[in-house]
PDB file of N, CA and C in Angstrom:
ATOM      1  N   UNK A   1      46.864 -23.059  41.883  1.00  0.00           N
ATOM      2  CA  UNK A   1      47.606 -24.137  41.240  1.00  0.00           C
ATOM      3  C   UNK A   1      46.619 -25.124  40.715  1.00  0.00           C
ATOM      4  N   UNK A   2      46.903 -25.702  39.519  1.00  0.00           N
ATOM      5  CA  UNK A   2      46.036 -26.702  38.975  1.00  0.00           C
ATOM      6  C   UNK A   2      46.062 -27.943  39.801  1.00  0.00           C
ATOM      7  N   UNK A   3      44.940 -28.622  39.983  1.00  0.00           N
ATOM      8  CA  UNK A   3      44.865 -29.875  40.709  1.00  0.00           C
ATOM      9  C   UNK A   3      44.406 -30.904  39.673  1.00  0.00           C
ATOM     10  N   UNK A   4      45.061 -32.008  39.555  1.00  0.00           N
ATOM     11  CA  UNK A   4      44.670 -33.077  38.629  1.00  0.00           C
ATOM     12  C   UNK A   4      43.990 -34.210  39.468  1.00  0.00           C
ATOM     13  N   UNK A   5      42.731 -34.502  39.054  1.00  0.00           N
ATOM     14  CA  UNK A   5      41.980 -35.505  39.734  1.00  0.00           C
ATOM     15  C   UNK A   5      42.118 -36.859  39.048  1.00  0.00           C
ATOM     16  N   UNK A   6      42.176 -37.910  39.804  1.00  0.00           N
ATOM     17  CA  UNK A   6      42.228 -39.255  39.206  1.00  0.00           C
ATOM     18  C   UNK A   6      40.873 -39.586  38.604  1.00  0.00           C
ATOM     19  N   UNK A   7      40.949 -40.381  37.568  1.00  0.00           N
ATOM     20  CA  UNK A   7      39.675 -40.767  36.900  1.00  0.00           C
ATOM     21  C   UNK A   7      38.789 -41.636  37.782  1.00  0.00           C
ATOM     22  N   UNK A   8      39.413 -42.358  38.693  1.00  0.00           N
ATOM     23  CA  UNK A   8      38.548 -43.251  39.595  1.00  0.00           C
ATOM     24  C   UNK A   8      37.699 -42.440  40.597  1.00  0.00           C
ATOM     25  N   UNK A   9      38.013 -41.151  40.766  1.00  0.00           N
ATOM     26  CA  UNK A   9      37.216 -40.347  41.657  1.00  0.00           C
ATOM     27  C   UNK A   9      36.120 -39.536  40.952  1.00  0.00           C
ATOM     28  N   UNK A  10      36.054 -39.633  39.638  1.00  0.00           N
ATOM     29  CA  UNK A  10      35.099 -38.891  38.853  1.00  0.00           C
ATOM     30  C   UNK A  10      33.945 -39.754  38.432  1.00  0.00           C
ATOM     31  N   UNK A  11      32.740 -39.165  38.500  1.00  0.00           N
ATOM     32  CA  UNK A  11      31.545 -39.879  38.083  1.00  0.00           C
ATOM     33  C   UNK A  11      31.446 -40.002  36.589  1.00  0.00           C
ATOM     34  N   UNK A  12      32.025 -39.076  35.903  1.00  0.00           N
ATOM     35  CA  UNK A  12      32.112 -39.058  34.402  1.00  0.00           C
ATOM     36  C   UNK A  12      33.442 -38.486  34.024  1.00  0.00           C
ATOM     37  N   UNK A  13      33.985 -38.988  32.916  1.00  0.00           N
ATOM     38  CA  UNK A  13      35.280 -38.502  32.412  1.00  0.00           C
ATOM     39  C   UNK A  13      35.134 -37.246  31.688  1.00  0.00           C
ATOM     40  N   UNK A  14      34.611 -36.183  32.423  1.00  0.00           N
ATOM     41  CA  UNK A  14      34.326 -34.880  31.880  1.00  0.00           C
ATOM     42  C   UNK A  14      34.783 -33.833  32.855  1.00  0.00           C
ATOM     43  N   UNK A  15      35.373 -32.804  32.329  1.00  0.00           N
ATOM     44  CA  UNK A  15      35.670 -31.563  33.099  1.00  0.00           C
ATOM     45  C   UNK A  15      34.821 -30.469  32.593  1.00  0.00           C
ATOM     46  N   UNK A  16      34.098 -29.820  33.442  1.00  0.00           N
ATOM     47  CA  UNK A  16      33.069 -28.796  33.022  1.00  0.00           C
ATOM     48  C   UNK A  16      33.275 -27.534  33.788  1.00  0.00           C
ATOM     49  N   UNK A  17      33.156 -26.407  33.053  1.00  0.00           N
ATOM     50  CA  UNK A  17      33.136 -25.043  33.674  1.00  0.00           C
ATOM     51  C   UNK A  17      31.949 -24.279  33.116  1.00  0.00           C
ATOM     52  N   UNK A  18      31.264 -23.567  34.008  1.00  0.00           N
ATOM     53  CA  UNK A  18      30.143 -22.694  33.555  1.00  0.00           C
ATOM     54  C   UNK A  18      30.375 -21.293  34.172  1.00  0.00           C
ATOM     55  N   UNK A  19      30.278 -20.259  33.366  1.00  0.00           N
ATOM     56  CA  UNK A  19      30.489 -18.935  33.880  1.00  0.00           C
ATOM     57  C   UNK A  19      29.134 -18.353  34.373  1.00  0.00           C
ATOM     58  N   UNK A  20      29.179 -17.152  34.911  1.00  0.00           N
ATOM     59  CA  UNK A  20      27.982 -16.535  35.524  1.00  0.00           C
ATOM     60  C   UNK A  20      26.938 -16.182  34.424  1.00  0.00           C
ATOM     61  N   UNK A  21      27.306 -16.112  33.179  1.00  0.00           N
ATOM     62  CA  UNK A  21      26.398 -15.897  32.098  1.00  0.00           C
ATOM     63  C   UNK A  21      25.697 -17.126  31.588  1.00  0.00           C
ATOM     64  N   UNK A  22      25.999 -18.318  32.177  1.00  0.00           N
ATOM     65  CA  UNK A  22      25.402 -19.512  31.770  1.00  0.00           C
ATOM     66  C   UNK A  22      26.075 -20.228  30.596  1.00  0.00           C
ATOM     67  N   UNK A  23      27.260 -19.761  30.211  1.00  0.00           N
ATOM     68  CA  UNK A  23      28.015 -20.373  29.151  1.00  0.00           C
ATOM     69  C   UNK A  23      28.824 -21.506  29.676  1.00  0.00           C
ATOM     70  N   UNK A  24      28.708 -22.680  29.132  1.00  0.00           N
ATOM     71  CA  UNK A  24      29.394 -23.880  29.638  1.00  0.00           C
ATOM     72  C   UNK A  24      30.379 -24.420  28.587  1.00  0.00           C
ATOM     73  N   UNK A  25      31.564 -24.805  29.049  1.00  0.00           N
ATOM     74  CA  UNK A  25      32.569 -25.425  28.230  1.00  0.00           C
ATOM     75  C   UNK A  25      32.959 -26.710  28.926  1.00  0.00           C
ATOM     76  N   UNK A  26      32.963 -27.791  28.221  1.00  0.00           N
ATOM     77  CA  UNK A  26      33.328 -29.109  28.818  1.00  0.00           C
ATOM     78  C   UNK A  26      34.259 -29.860  27.843  1.00  0.00           C
ATOM     79  N   UNK A  27      35.102 -30.702  28.398  1.00  0.00           N
ATOM     80  CA  UNK A  27      35.971 -31.603  27.653  1.00  0.00           C
ATOM     81  C   UNK A  27      35.688 -32.984  28.176  1.00  0.00           C
ATOM     82  N   UNK A  28      35.364 -33.931  27.264  1.00  0.00           N
ATOM     83  CA  UNK A  28      35.003 -35.305  27.649  1.00  0.00           C
ATOM     84  C   UNK A  28      35.881 -36.297  26.876  1.00  0.00           C
ATOM     85  N   UNK A  29      36.404 -37.271  27.645  1.00  0.00           N
ATOM     86  CA  UNK A  29      37.208 -38.362  27.009  1.00  0.00           C
ATOM     87  C   UNK A  29      36.220 -39.244  26.230  1.00  0.00           C
ATOM     88  N   UNK A  30      36.629 -39.676  25.033  1.00  0.00           N
ATOM     89  CA  UNK A  30      35.782 -40.567  24.279  1.00  0.00           C
ATOM     90  C   UNK A  30      35.638 -41.933  24.932  1.00  0.00           C
ATOM     91  N   UNK A  31      34.535 -42.647  24.734  1.00  0.00           N
ATOM     92  CA  UNK A  31      34.426 -43.940  25.355  1.00  0.00           C
ATOM     93  C   UNK A  31      35.586 -44.857  25.023  1.00  0.00           C
ATOM     94  N   UNK A  32      36.043 -45.582  25.999  1.00  0.00           N
ATOM     95  CA  UNK A  32      37.132 -46.501  25.823  1.00  0.00           C
ATOM     96  C   UNK A  32      38.524 -45.881  26.167  1.00  0.00           C
ATOM     97  N   UNK A  33      38.547 -44.629  26.428  1.00  0.00           N
ATOM     98  CA  UNK A  33      39.821 -43.984  26.792  1.00  0.00           C
ATOM     99  C   UNK A  33      40.222 -44.187  28.247  1.00  0.00           C
ATOM    100  N   UNK A  34      39.242 -44.436  29.081  1.00  0.00           N
ATOM    101  CA  UNK A  34      39.485 -44.595  30.530  1.00  0.00           C
ATOM    102  C   UNK A  34      39.970 -45.985  30.865  1.00  0.00           C
ATOM    103  N   UNK A  35      40.289 -46.163  32.100  1.00  0.00           N
ATOM    104  CA  UNK A  35      40.767 -47.485  32.570  1.00  0.00           C
ATOM    105  C   UNK A  35      39.610 -48.475  32.688  1.00  0.00           C
ATOM    106  N   UNK A  36      40.001 -49.729  32.587  1.00  0.00           N
ATOM    107  CA  UNK A  36      39.068 -50.818  32.858  1.00  0.00           C
ATOM    108  C   UNK A  36      39.258 -51.229  34.319  1.00  0.00           C
ATOM    109  N   UNK A  37      38.270 -51.043  35.163  1.00  0.00           N
ATOM    110  CA  UNK A  37      38.478 -51.331  36.583  1.00  0.00           C
ATOM    111  C   UNK A  37      38.632 -52.811  36.933  1.00  0.00           C
ATOM    112  N   UNK A  38      38.319 -53.677  36.018  1.00  0.00           N
ATOM    113  CA  UNK A  38      38.434 -55.167  36.245  1.00  0.00           C
ATOM    114  C   UNK A  38      38.950 -55.812  34.969  1.00  0.00           C
ATOM    115  N   UNK A  39      40.243 -55.664  34.674  1.00  0.00           N
ATOM    116  CA  UNK A  39      40.861 -56.260  33.531  1.00  0.00           C
ATOM    117  C   UNK A  39      41.191 -57.716  33.844  1.00  0.00           C
ATOM    118  N   UNK A  40      40.684 -58.577  33.016  1.00  0.00           N
ATOM    119  CA  UNK A  40      40.963 -60.068  33.168  1.00  0.00           C
ATOM    120  C   UNK A  40      40.664 -60.514  34.601  1.00  0.00           C
ATOM    121  N   UNK A  41      39.533 -60.090  35.194  1.00  0.00           N
ATOM    122  CA  UNK A  41      39.132 -60.492  36.473  1.00  0.00           C
ATOM    123  C   UNK A  41      40.074 -60.140  37.601  1.00  0.00           C
ATOM    124  N   UNK A  42      40.894 -59.112  37.374  1.00  0.00           N
ATOM    125  CA  UNK A  42      41.724 -58.639  38.501  1.00  0.00           C
ATOM    126  C   UNK A  42      41.465 -57.153  38.703  1.00  0.00           C
ATOM    127  N   UNK A  43      41.486 -56.717  39.963  1.00  0.00           N
ATOM    128  CA  UNK A  43      41.204 -55.340  40.335  1.00  0.00           C
ATOM    129  C   UNK A  43      42.272 -54.440  39.790  1.00  0.00           C
ATOM    130  N   UNK A  44      41.868 -53.524  38.908  1.00  0.00           N
ATOM    131  CA  UNK A  44      42.805 -52.500  38.379  1.00  0.00           C
ATOM    132  C   UNK A  44      42.375 -51.112  38.708  1.00  0.00           C
ATOM    133  N   UNK A  45      41.755 -50.949  39.860  1.00  0.00           N
ATOM    134  CA  UNK A  45      41.330 -49.577  40.285  1.00  0.00           C
ATOM    135  C   UNK A  45      42.549 -48.648  40.528  1.00  0.00           C
ATOM    136  N   UNK A  46      43.730 -49.278  40.781  1.00  0.00           N
ATOM    137  CA  UNK A  46      44.897 -48.417  41.055  1.00  0.00           C
ATOM    138  C   UNK A  46      45.450 -47.814  39.780  1.00  0.00           C
ATOM    139  N   UNK A  47      45.129 -48.329  38.562  1.00  0.00           N
ATOM    140  CA  UNK A  47      45.602 -47.762  37.340  1.00  0.00           C
ATOM    141  C   UNK A  47      45.062 -46.358  37.140  1.00  0.00           C
ATOM    142  N   UNK A  48      45.904 -45.496  36.545  1.00  0.00           N
ATOM    143  CA  UNK A  48      45.512 -44.087  36.428  1.00  0.00           C
ATOM    144  C   UNK A  48      45.875 -43.709  34.962  1.00  0.00           C
ATOM    145  N   UNK A  49      44.967 -43.759  34.096  1.00  0.00           N
ATOM    146  CA  UNK A  49      45.183 -43.422  32.683  1.00  0.00           C
ATOM    147  C   UNK A  49      44.821 -41.961  32.319  1.00  0.00           C
ATOM    148  N   UNK A  50      43.849 -41.384  33.019  1.00  0.00           N
ATOM    149  CA  UNK A  50      43.357 -40.076  32.706  1.00  0.00           C
ATOM    150  C   UNK A  50      43.374 -39.194  33.914  1.00  0.00           C
ATOM    151  N   UNK A  51      43.667 -37.943  33.750  1.00  0.00           N
ATOM    152  CA  UNK A  51      43.586 -36.885  34.792  1.00  0.00           C
ATOM    153  C   UNK A  51      42.595 -35.852  34.338  1.00  0.00           C
ATOM    154  N   UNK A  52      41.835 -35.318  35.294  1.00  0.00           N
ATOM    155  CA  UNK A  52      40.872 -34.253  34.969  1.00  0.00           C
ATOM    156  C   UNK A  52      41.198 -33.026  35.835  1.00  0.00           C
ATOM    157  N   UNK A  53      41.047 -31.847  35.222  1.00  0.00           N
ATOM    158  CA  UNK A  53      41.304 -30.629  35.909  1.00  0.00           C
ATOM    159  C   UNK A  53      40.388 -29.522  35.425  1.00  0.00           C
ATOM    160  N   UNK A  54      40.172 -28.500  36.241  1.00  0.00           N
ATOM    161  CA  UNK A  54      39.480 -27.272  35.815  1.00  0.00           C
ATOM    162  C   UNK A  54      40.421 -26.212  35.377  1.00  0.00           C
ATOM    163  N   UNK A  55      41.719 -26.485  35.519  1.00  0.00           N
ATOM    164  CA  UNK A  55      42.709 -25.469  35.143  1.00  0.00           C
ATOM    165  C   UNK A  55      43.764 -26.137  34.200  1.00  0.00           C
ATOM    166  N   UNK A  56      44.309 -25.367  33.310  1.00  0.00           N
ATOM    167  CA  UNK A  56      45.399 -25.891  32.511  1.00  0.00           C
ATOM    168  C   UNK A  56      46.721 -25.717  33.247  1.00  0.00           C
ATOM    169  N   UNK A  57      47.858 -26.064  32.629  1.00  0.00           N
ATOM    170  CA  UNK A  57      49.119 -26.005  33.300  1.00  0.00           C
ATOM    171  C   UNK A  57      49.643 -24.581  33.572  1.00  0.00           C
ATOM    172  N   UNK A  58      49.001 -23.597  32.932  1.00  0.00           N
ATOM    173  CA  UNK A  58      49.355 -22.201  33.194  1.00  0.00           C
ATOM    174  C   UNK A  58      48.413 -21.591  34.250  1.00  0.00           C
ATOM    175  N   UNK A  59      47.646 -22.432  34.926  1.00  0.00           N
ATOM    176  CA  UNK A  59      46.699 -22.000  35.987  1.00  0.00           C
ATOM    177  C   UNK A  59      45.596 -21.116  35.442  1.00  0.00           C
ATOM    178  N   UNK A  60      45.210 -21.298  34.206  1.00  0.00           N
ATOM    179  CA  UNK A  60      44.098 -20.577  33.576  1.00  0.00           C
ATOM    180  C   UNK A  60      42.884 -21.489  33.656  1.00  0.00           C
ATOM    181  N   UNK A  61      41.682 -21.009  34.067  1.00  0.00           N
ATOM    182  CA  UNK A  61      40.512 -21.785  34.098  1.00  0.00           C
ATOM    183  C   UNK A  61      40.166 -22.282  32.721  1.00  0.00           C
ATOM    184  N   UNK A  62      40.207 -23.566  32.535  1.00  0.00           N
ATOM    185  CA  UNK A  62      39.949 -24.230  31.310  1.00  0.00           C
ATOM    186  C   UNK A  62      39.757 -25.712  31.542  1.00  0.00           C
ATOM    187  N   UNK A  63      38.602 -26.326  31.209  1.00  0.00           N
ATOM    188  CA  UNK A  63      38.452 -27.733  31.455  1.00  0.00           C
ATOM    189  C   UNK A  63      39.539 -28.501  30.709  1.00  0.00           C
ATOM    190  N   UNK A  64      40.221 -29.391  31.407  1.00  0.00           N
ATOM    191  CA  UNK A  64      41.399 -30.060  30.828  1.00  0.00           C
ATOM    192  C   UNK A  64      41.383 -31.553  31.199  1.00  0.00           C
ATOM    193  N   UNK A  65      41.802 -32.366  30.197  1.00  0.00           N
ATOM    194  CA  UNK A  65      42.077 -33.782  30.419  1.00  0.00           C
ATOM    195  C   UNK A  65      43.573 -34.003  30.200  1.00  0.00           C
ATOM    196  N   UNK A  66      44.131 -34.931  30.915  1.00  0.00           N
ATOM    197  CA  UNK A  66      45.509 -35.286  30.784  1.00  0.00           C
ATOM    198  C   UNK A  66      45.617 -36.793  30.465  1.00  0.00           C
ATOM    199  N   UNK A  67      46.323 -37.103  29.397  1.00  0.00           N
ATOM    200  CA  UNK A  67      46.606 -38.521  29.042  1.00  0.00           C
ATOM    201  C   UNK A  67      47.851 -38.540  28.263  1.00  0.00           C
ATOM    202  N   UNK A  68      48.857 -39.310  28.588  1.00  0.00           N
ATOM    203  CA  UNK A  68      48.953 -40.075  29.807  1.00  0.00           C
ATOM    204  C   UNK A  68      49.245 -39.177  31.023  1.00  0.00           C
ATOM    205  N   UNK A  69      49.038 -39.700  32.196  1.00  0.00           N
ATOM    206  CA  UNK A  69      49.393 -38.978  33.410  1.00  0.00           C
ATOM    207  C   UNK A  69      50.882 -39.327  33.657  1.00  0.00           C
ATOM    208  N   UNK A  70      51.687 -38.268  33.836  1.00  0.00           N
ATOM    209  CA  UNK A  70      53.118 -38.477  33.976  1.00  0.00           C
ATOM    210  C   UNK A  70      53.439 -39.429  35.169  1.00  0.00           C
ATOM    211  N   UNK A  71      54.287 -40.393  34.872  1.00  0.00           N
ATOM    212  CA  UNK A  71      54.714 -41.351  35.867  1.00  0.00           C
ATOM    213  C   UNK A  71      53.778 -42.576  35.941  1.00  0.00           C
ATOM    214  N   UNK A  72      52.732 -42.546  35.175  1.00  0.00           N
ATOM    215  CA  UNK A  72      51.771 -43.628  35.141  1.00  0.00           C
ATOM    216  C   UNK A  72      51.839 -44.470  33.867  1.00  0.00           C
ATOM    217  N   UNK A  73      51.020 -45.471  33.765  1.00  0.00           N
ATOM    218  CA  UNK A  73      51.002 -46.361  32.609  1.00  0.00           C
ATOM    219  C   UNK A  73      50.928 -45.538  31.284  1.00  0.00           C
ATOM    220  N   UNK A  74      51.665 -45.976  30.291  1.00  0.00           N
ATOM    221  CA  UNK A  74      51.699 -45.328  28.985  1.00  0.00           C
ATOM    222  C   UNK A  74      52.487 -44.023  28.918  1.00  0.00           C
ATOM    223  N   UNK A  75      53.022 -43.558  30.024  1.00  0.00           N
ATOM    224  CA  UNK A  75      53.725 -42.265  29.988  1.00  0.00           C
ATOM    225  C   UNK A  75      55.220 -42.460  29.684  1.00  0.00           C
ATOM    226  N   UNK A  76      55.699 -43.662  29.703  1.00  0.00           N
ATOM    227  CA  UNK A  76      57.102 -43.973  29.443  1.00  0.00           C
ATOM    228  C   UNK A  76      57.177 -44.398  27.987  1.00  0.00           C
ATOM    229  N   UNK A  77      57.505 -43.424  27.124  1.00  0.00           N
ATOM    230  CA  UNK A  77      57.600 -43.652  25.689  1.00  0.00           C
ATOM    231  C   UNK A  77      59.022 -43.640  25.268  1.00  0.00           C
ATOM    232  N   UNK A  78      59.351 -44.404  24.240  1.00  0.00           N
ATOM    233  CA  UNK A  78      60.682 -44.366  23.611  1.00  0.00           C
ATOM    234  C   UNK A  78      60.645 -43.520  22.385  1.00  0.00           C
ATOM    235  N   UNK A  79      61.791 -43.149  21.868  1.00  0.00           N
ATOM    236  CA  UNK A  79      61.889 -42.380  20.724  1.00  0.00           C
ATOM    237  C   UNK A  79      61.174 -43.109  19.562  1.00  0.00           C
ATOM    238  N   UNK A  80      60.286 -42.402  18.905  1.00  0.00           N
ATOM    239  CA  UNK A  80      59.541 -43.005  17.776  1.00  0.00           C
ATOM    240  C   UNK A  80      58.211 -43.578  18.199  1.00  0.00           C
ATOM    241  N   UNK A  81      57.956 -43.795  19.501  1.00  0.00           N
ATOM    242  CA  UNK A  81      56.662 -44.287  19.943  1.00  0.00           C
ATOM    243  C   UNK A  81      55.592 -43.229  19.766  1.00  0.00           C
ATOM    244  N   UNK A  82      54.370 -43.667  19.538  1.00  0.00           N
ATOM    245  CA  UNK A  82      53.253 -42.712  19.427  1.00  0.00           C
ATOM    246  C   UNK A  82      52.112 -43.192  20.345  1.00  0.00           C
ATOM    247  N   UNK A  83      51.289 -42.242  20.650  1.00  0.00           N
ATOM    248  CA  UNK A  83      50.124 -42.479  21.529  1.00  0.00           C
ATOM    249  C   UNK A  83      48.976 -41.635  21.042  1.00  0.00           C
ATOM    250  N   UNK A  84      47.803 -42.195  21.008  1.00  0.00           N
ATOM    251  CA  UNK A  84      46.671 -41.396  20.601  1.00  0.00           C
ATOM    252  C   UNK A  84      45.633 -41.269  21.684  1.00  0.00           C
ATOM    253  N   UNK A  85      44.870 -40.191  21.669  1.00  0.00           N
ATOM    254  CA  UNK A  85      43.875 -39.925  22.708  1.00  0.00           C
ATOM    255  C   UNK A  85      42.724 -39.193  22.018  1.00  0.00           C
ATOM    256  N   UNK A  86      41.495 -39.671  22.299  1.00  0.00           N
ATOM    257  CA  UNK A  86      40.317 -39.117  21.617  1.00  0.00           C
ATOM    258  C   UNK A  86      39.523 -38.416  22.710  1.00  0.00           C
ATOM    259  N   UNK A  87      39.027 -37.208  22.368  1.00  0.00           N
ATOM    260  CA  UNK A  87      38.191 -36.426  23.297  1.00  0.00           C
ATOM    261  C   UNK A  87      37.317 -35.512  22.483  1.00  0.00           C
ATOM    262  N   UNK A  88      36.379 -34.845  23.157  1.00  0.00           N
ATOM    263  CA  UNK A  88      35.506 -33.828  22.454  1.00  0.00           C
ATOM    264  C   UNK A  88      35.240 -32.702  23.409  1.00  0.00           C
ATOM    265  N   UNK A  89      35.108 -31.535  22.812  1.00  0.00           N
ATOM    266  CA  UNK A  89      34.732 -30.324  23.521  1.00  0.00           C
ATOM    267  C   UNK A  89      33.238 -30.093  23.304  1.00  0.00           C
ATOM    268  N   UNK A  90      32.625 -29.576  24.348  1.00  0.00           N
ATOM    269  CA  UNK A  90      31.220 -29.206  24.244  1.00  0.00           C
ATOM    270  C   UNK A  90      31.015 -27.741  24.702  1.00  0.00           C
ATOM    271  N   UNK A  91      30.332 -26.896  23.917  1.00  0.00           N
ATOM    272  CA  UNK A  91      30.097 -25.528  24.247  1.00  0.00           C
ATOM    273  C   UNK A  91      28.586 -25.371  24.227  1.00  0.00           C
ATOM    274  N   UNK A  92      28.061 -24.815  25.313  1.00  0.00           N
ATOM    275  CA  UNK A  92      26.613 -24.644  25.444  1.00  0.00           C
ATOM    276  C   UNK A  92      26.239 -23.374  26.166  1.00  0.00           C
ATOM    277  N   UNK A  93      25.206 -22.725  25.677  1.00  0.00           N
ATOM    278  CA  UNK A  93      24.678 -21.495  26.383  1.00  0.00           C
ATOM    279  C   UNK A  93      23.381 -21.896  26.982  1.00  0.00           C
ATOM    280  N   UNK A  94      23.281 -21.868  28.297  1.00  0.00           N
ATOM    281  CA  UNK A  94      22.043 -22.163  29.003  1.00  0.00           C
ATOM    282  C   UNK A  94      21.117 -20.983  28.902  1.00  0.00           C
ATOM    283  N   UNK A  95      19.895 -21.226  28.410  1.00  0.00           N
ATOM    284  CA  UNK A  95      18.932 -20.168  28.241  1.00  0.00           C
ATOM    285  C   UNK A  95      17.899 -20.124  29.377  1.00  0.00           C
ATOM    286  N   UNK A  96      17.824 -21.149  30.119  1.00  0.00           N
ATOM    287  CA  UNK A  96      16.883 -21.151  31.231  1.00  0.00           C
ATOM    288  C   UNK A  96      17.061 -22.379  32.058  1.00  0.00           C
ATOM    289  N   UNK A  97      16.378 -22.420  33.192  1.00  0.00           N
ATOM    290  CA  UNK A  97      16.556 -23.535  34.049  1.00  0.00           C
ATOM    291  C   UNK A  97      15.251 -24.356  34.081  1.00  0.00           C
ATOM    292  N   UNK A  98      15.378 -25.661  33.946  1.00  0.00           N
ATOM    293  CA  UNK A  98      14.172 -26.542  33.937  1.00  0.00           C
ATOM    294  C   UNK A  98      14.178 -27.260  35.289  1.00  0.00           C
ATOM    295  N   UNK A  99      13.011 -27.167  35.940  1.00  0.00           N
ATOM    296  CA  UNK A  99      12.882 -27.828  37.237  1.00  0.00           C
ATOM    297  C   UNK A  99      11.964 -29.075  36.966  1.00  0.00           C
ATOM    298  N   UNK A 100      12.372 -30.185  37.564  1.00  0.00           N
ATOM    299  CA  UNK A 100      11.596 -31.377  37.483  1.00  0.00           C
ATOM    300  C   UNK A 100      11.119 -31.746  38.906  1.00  0.00           C
ATOM    301  N   UNK A 101       9.797 -31.881  39.046  1.00  0.00           N
ATOM    302  CA  UNK A 101       9.266 -32.257  40.352  1.00  0.00           C
ATOM    303  C   UNK A 101       9.142 -33.776  40.370  1.00  0.00           C
ATOM    304  N   UNK A 102       9.609 -34.393  41.502  1.00  0.00           N
ATOM    305  CA  UNK A 102       9.527 -35.813  41.638  1.00  0.00           C
ATOM    306  C   UNK A 102       8.797 -36.163  42.937  1.00  0.00           C
TER     307      UNK A 102
END
């Protein structure tokens, strides 16, 4: 079953999958799409604007972002209302591993 993670638990608003051949697919929310944790000097950590998952709604492995999250802010739309969401996909083939000594 797909699990949707709250944006406040993610270090980055990105869902990433890599297969055993080193091919990586990621989906990332554009800057400004996530919540502001301190809107007008008040704690808004409870707000949930984005959800991240490594599976889509059909339980197929696919990096996925959800906006709006059902039942949360901006999910209650009226007839004729519109909502926009910006994101980008990244596809990369890893050709080798780089080790950094510190």
